[in-house]
Amino acid sequence: MKILVVDDDVDFADGMAEMLGLFEHDVHTAYSCEAGIAAAGKESFDLALIDVGLNDRNGAECAREIRKLSKTTAFVLVTGYSAEALARMGMSVEEFNILRKPVKLEDLEPFLKD
């Protein structure tokens, strides 16, 4: 499975890529929304894991931009915030799956099926 990890926390992104790589997934990391969009413009991904709190854009906006480039990519937003907190912040994320950080492999398993 080809996976794009977009997170401005380099340690989190690299750790997630390393963990997923152990299970033989082809993982690309991007440390900003713009870098994620650029990566999606060059190749297609089966799954994109995108941090909600990116420095250059919120994760939902980033996912929507990547979706324009790839209609077949599945999206999971990752965040330290609860769904209720995101709603209070006015962030519209209803159309996405959301996982709370720290993300565990068992949380990702439903999304890693080919």
C-alpha atoms as a PDB file:
ATOM      1  CA  MET A   1       0.000   0.000   0.000  1.00  0.00           C
ATOM      2  CA  LYS A   2       1.291   3.483  -0.845  1.00  0.00           C
ATOM      3  CA  ILE A   3       0.855   5.847   2.087  1.00  0.00           C
ATOM      4  CA  LEU A   4       1.430   9.587   2.411  1.00  0.00           C
ATOM      5  CA  VAL A   5       2.111  10.908   5.923  1.00  0.00           C
ATOM      6  CA  VAL A   6       1.711  14.699   6.214  1.00  0.00           C
ATOM      7  CA  ASP A   7       2.761  16.134   9.567  1.00  0.00           C
ATOM      8  CA  ASP A   8       4.903  19.116  10.534  1.00  0.00           C
ATOM      9  CA  ASP A   9       6.114  17.176  13.587  1.00  0.00           C
ATOM     10  CA  VAL A  10       9.096  15.545  11.902  1.00  0.00           C
ATOM     11  CA  ASP A  11       9.562  12.985  14.680  1.00  0.00           C
ATOM     12  CA  PHE A  12       5.922  11.869  14.450  1.00  0.00           C
ATOM     13  CA  ALA A  13       5.973  11.699  10.641  1.00  0.00           C
ATOM     14  CA  ASP A  14       9.242   9.793  10.515  1.00  0.00           C
ATOM     15  CA  GLY A  15       8.156   7.454  13.319  1.00  0.00           C
ATOM     16  CA  MET A  16       4.871   6.708  11.570  1.00  0.00           C
ATOM     17  CA  ALA A  17       6.708   6.098   8.290  1.00  0.00           C
ATOM     18  CA  GLU A  18       9.170   3.774  10.013  1.00  0.00           C
ATOM     19  CA  MET A  19       6.398   1.803  11.718  1.00  0.00           C
ATOM     20  CA  LEU A  20       4.383   1.442   8.495  1.00  0.00           C
ATOM     21  CA  GLY A  21       7.519   0.562   6.549  1.00  0.00           C
ATOM     22  CA  LEU A  22       8.101  -2.409   8.857  1.00  0.00           C
ATOM     23  CA  PHE A  23       4.891  -3.843   7.414  1.00  0.00           C
ATOM     24  CA  GLU A  24       6.196  -3.334   3.878  1.00  0.00           C
ATOM     25  CA  HIS A  25       4.086  -0.315   3.042  1.00  0.00           C
ATOM     26  CA  ASP A  26       5.594   2.219   0.652  1.00  0.00           C
ATOM     27  CA  VAL A  27       5.544   5.394   2.761  1.00  0.00           C
ATOM     28  CA  HIS A  28       6.273   8.972   1.706  1.00  0.00           C
ATOM     29  CA  THR A  29       6.558  11.746   4.298  1.00  0.00           C
ATOM     30  CA  ALA A  30       5.765  15.420   3.827  1.00  0.00           C
ATOM     31  CA  TYR A  31       6.371  17.969   6.579  1.00  0.00           C
ATOM     32  CA  SER A  32       3.863  20.557   5.372  1.00  0.00           C
ATOM     33  CA  CYS A  33       0.566  20.697   3.529  1.00  0.00           C
ATOM     34  CA  GLU A  34       2.231  22.211   0.484  1.00  0.00           C
ATOM     35  CA  ALA A  35       4.789  19.385   0.386  1.00  0.00           C
ATOM     36  CA  GLY A  36       1.949  16.857   0.703  1.00  0.00           C
ATOM     37  CA  ILE A  37       0.059  18.449  -2.168  1.00  0.00           C
ATOM     38  CA  ALA A  38       3.217  18.448  -4.275  1.00  0.00           C
ATOM     39  CA  ALA A  39       3.790  14.746  -3.531  1.00  0.00           C
ATOM     40  CA  ALA A  40       0.184  13.902  -4.437  1.00  0.00           C
ATOM     41  CA  GLY A  41       0.609  15.825  -7.680  1.00  0.00           C
ATOM     42  CA  LYS A  42       3.507  13.555  -8.667  1.00  0.00           C
ATOM     43  CA  GLU A  43       2.171  10.171  -7.618  1.00  0.00           C
ATOM     44  CA  SER A  44      -0.976   8.561  -6.298  1.00  0.00           C
ATOM     45  CA  PHE A  45      -1.412   7.196  -2.782  1.00  0.00           C
ATOM     46  CA  ASP A  46      -3.836   4.647  -1.401  1.00  0.00           C
ATOM     47  CA  LEU A  47      -3.964   6.349   1.999  1.00  0.00           C
ATOM     48  CA  ALA A  48      -3.043   9.773   3.352  1.00  0.00           C
ATOM     49  CA  LEU A  49      -2.531  10.321   7.086  1.00  0.00           C
ATOM     50  CA  ILE A  50      -2.692  14.070   7.675  1.00  0.00           C
ATOM     51  CA  ASP A  51      -2.176  16.019  10.882  1.00  0.00           C
ATOM     52  CA  VAL A  52      -5.028  18.401  11.674  1.00  0.00           C
ATOM     53  CA  GLY A  53      -2.759  21.103  13.092  1.00  0.00           C
ATOM     54  CA  LEU A  54      -0.307  21.747  10.278  1.00  0.00           C
ATOM     55  CA  ASN A  55       1.650  24.999  10.367  1.00  0.00           C
ATOM     56  CA  ASP A  56       0.793  26.083   6.827  1.00  0.00           C
ATOM     57  CA  ARG A  57      -2.867  24.910   6.627  1.00  0.00           C
ATOM     58  CA  ASN A  58      -5.279  22.841   8.644  1.00  0.00           C
ATOM     59  CA  GLY A  59      -5.339  19.154   7.852  1.00  0.00           C
ATOM     60  CA  ALA A  60      -8.919  19.110   6.559  1.00  0.00           C
ATOM     61  CA  GLU A  61      -8.109  21.800   3.992  1.00  0.00           C
ATOM     62  CA  CYS A  62      -4.972  19.911   3.040  1.00  0.00           C
ATOM     63  CA  ALA A  63      -6.909  16.669   2.561  1.00  0.00           C
ATOM     64  CA  ARG A  64      -9.474  18.446   0.391  1.00  0.00           C
ATOM     65  CA  GLU A  65      -6.715  19.815  -1.850  1.00  0.00           C
ATOM     66  CA  ILE A  66      -5.090  16.391  -2.170  1.00  0.00           C
ATOM     67  CA  ARG A  67      -8.507  14.829  -2.884  1.00  0.00           C
ATOM     68  CA  LYS A  68      -8.762  17.090  -5.955  1.00  0.00           C
ATOM     69  CA  LEU A  69      -5.604  15.429  -7.290  1.00  0.00           C
ATOM     70  CA  SER A  70      -6.469  11.870  -6.341  1.00  0.00           C
ATOM     71  CA  LYS A  71     -10.039  10.638  -6.175  1.00  0.00           C
ATOM     72  CA  THR A  72      -8.977   7.165  -4.987  1.00  0.00           C
ATOM     73  CA  THR A  73      -6.955   8.178  -1.918  1.00  0.00           C
ATOM     74  CA  ALA A  74      -8.483   7.372   1.467  1.00  0.00           C
ATOM     75  CA  PHE A  75      -7.914   9.990   4.180  1.00  0.00           C
ATOM     76  CA  VAL A  76      -7.384   9.785   7.918  1.00  0.00           C
ATOM     77  CA  LEU A  77      -6.809  12.936   9.930  1.00  0.00           C
ATOM     78  CA  VAL A  78      -4.662  12.579  13.033  1.00  0.00           C
ATOM     79  CA  THR A  79      -4.850  14.956  15.958  1.00  0.00           C
ATOM     80  CA  GLY A  80      -4.342  15.404  19.644  1.00  0.00           C
ATOM     81  CA  TYR A  81      -7.737  17.138  19.825  1.00  0.00           C
ATOM     82  CA  SER A  82     -11.069  15.437  20.391  1.00  0.00           C
ATOM     83  CA  ALA A  83     -13.787  15.681  17.728  1.00  0.00           C
ATOM     84  CA  GLU A  84     -15.684  18.011  20.081  1.00  0.00           C
ATOM     85  CA  ALA A  85     -12.686  20.317  20.453  1.00  0.00           C
ATOM     86  CA  LEU A  86     -12.272  20.448  16.680  1.00  0.00           C
ATOM     87  CA  ALA A  87     -15.935  21.417  16.340  1.00  0.00           C
ATOM     88  CA  ARG A  88     -15.509  24.174  18.940  1.00  0.00           C
ATOM     89  CA  MET A  89     -12.562  25.488  16.927  1.00  0.00           C
ATOM     90  CA  GLY A  90     -14.861  25.656  13.907  1.00  0.00           C
ATOM     91  CA  MET A  91     -12.992  22.987  11.993  1.00  0.00           C
ATOM     92  CA  SER A  92     -15.206  21.041   9.608  1.00  0.00           C
ATOM     93  CA  VAL A  93     -13.909  17.469   9.557  1.00  0.00           C
ATOM     94  CA  GLU A  94     -17.086  15.397   9.340  1.00  0.00           C
ATOM     95  CA  GLU A  95     -16.209  13.785   6.018  1.00  0.00           C
ATOM     96  CA  PHE A  96     -12.944  12.324   7.341  1.00  0.00           C
ATOM     97  CA  ASN A  97     -11.948   9.497   9.613  1.00  0.00           C
ATOM     98  CA  ILE A  98     -10.122  10.864  12.651  1.00  0.00           C
ATOM     99  CA  LEU A  99      -7.581   9.150  14.879  1.00  0.00           C
ATOM    100  CA  ARG A 100      -6.225  10.596  18.102  1.00  0.00           C
ATOM    101  CA  LYS A 101      -2.496  10.870  18.706  1.00  0.00           C
ATOM    102  CA  PRO A 102      -0.613   8.889  19.714  1.00  0.00           C
ATOM    103  CA  VAL A 103      -1.699   6.654  16.852  1.00  0.00           C
ATOM    104  CA  LYS A 104      -1.247   2.937  17.435  1.00  0.00           C
ATOM    105  CA  LEU A 105      -0.944   0.294  14.755  1.00  0.00           C
ATOM    106  CA  GLU A 106      -4.196  -1.351  15.829  1.00  0.00           C
ATOM    107  CA  ASP A 107      -5.958   2.005  15.253  1.00  0.00           C
ATOM    108  CA  LEU A 108      -4.633   2.062  11.689  1.00  0.00           C
ATOM    109  CA  GLU A 109      -5.308  -1.567  10.794  1.00  0.00           C
ATOM    110  CA  PRO A 110      -8.840  -0.978   9.407  1.00  0.00           C
ATOM    111  CA  PHE A 111      -7.375   1.541   6.932  1.00  0.00           C
ATOM    112  CA  LEU A 112      -4.460  -0.644   5.838  1.00  0.00           C
ATOM    113  CA  LYS A 113      -6.478  -3.259   4.002  1.00  0.00           C
ATOM    114  CA  ASP A 114      -5.810  -3.444   0.272  1.00  0.00           C
END
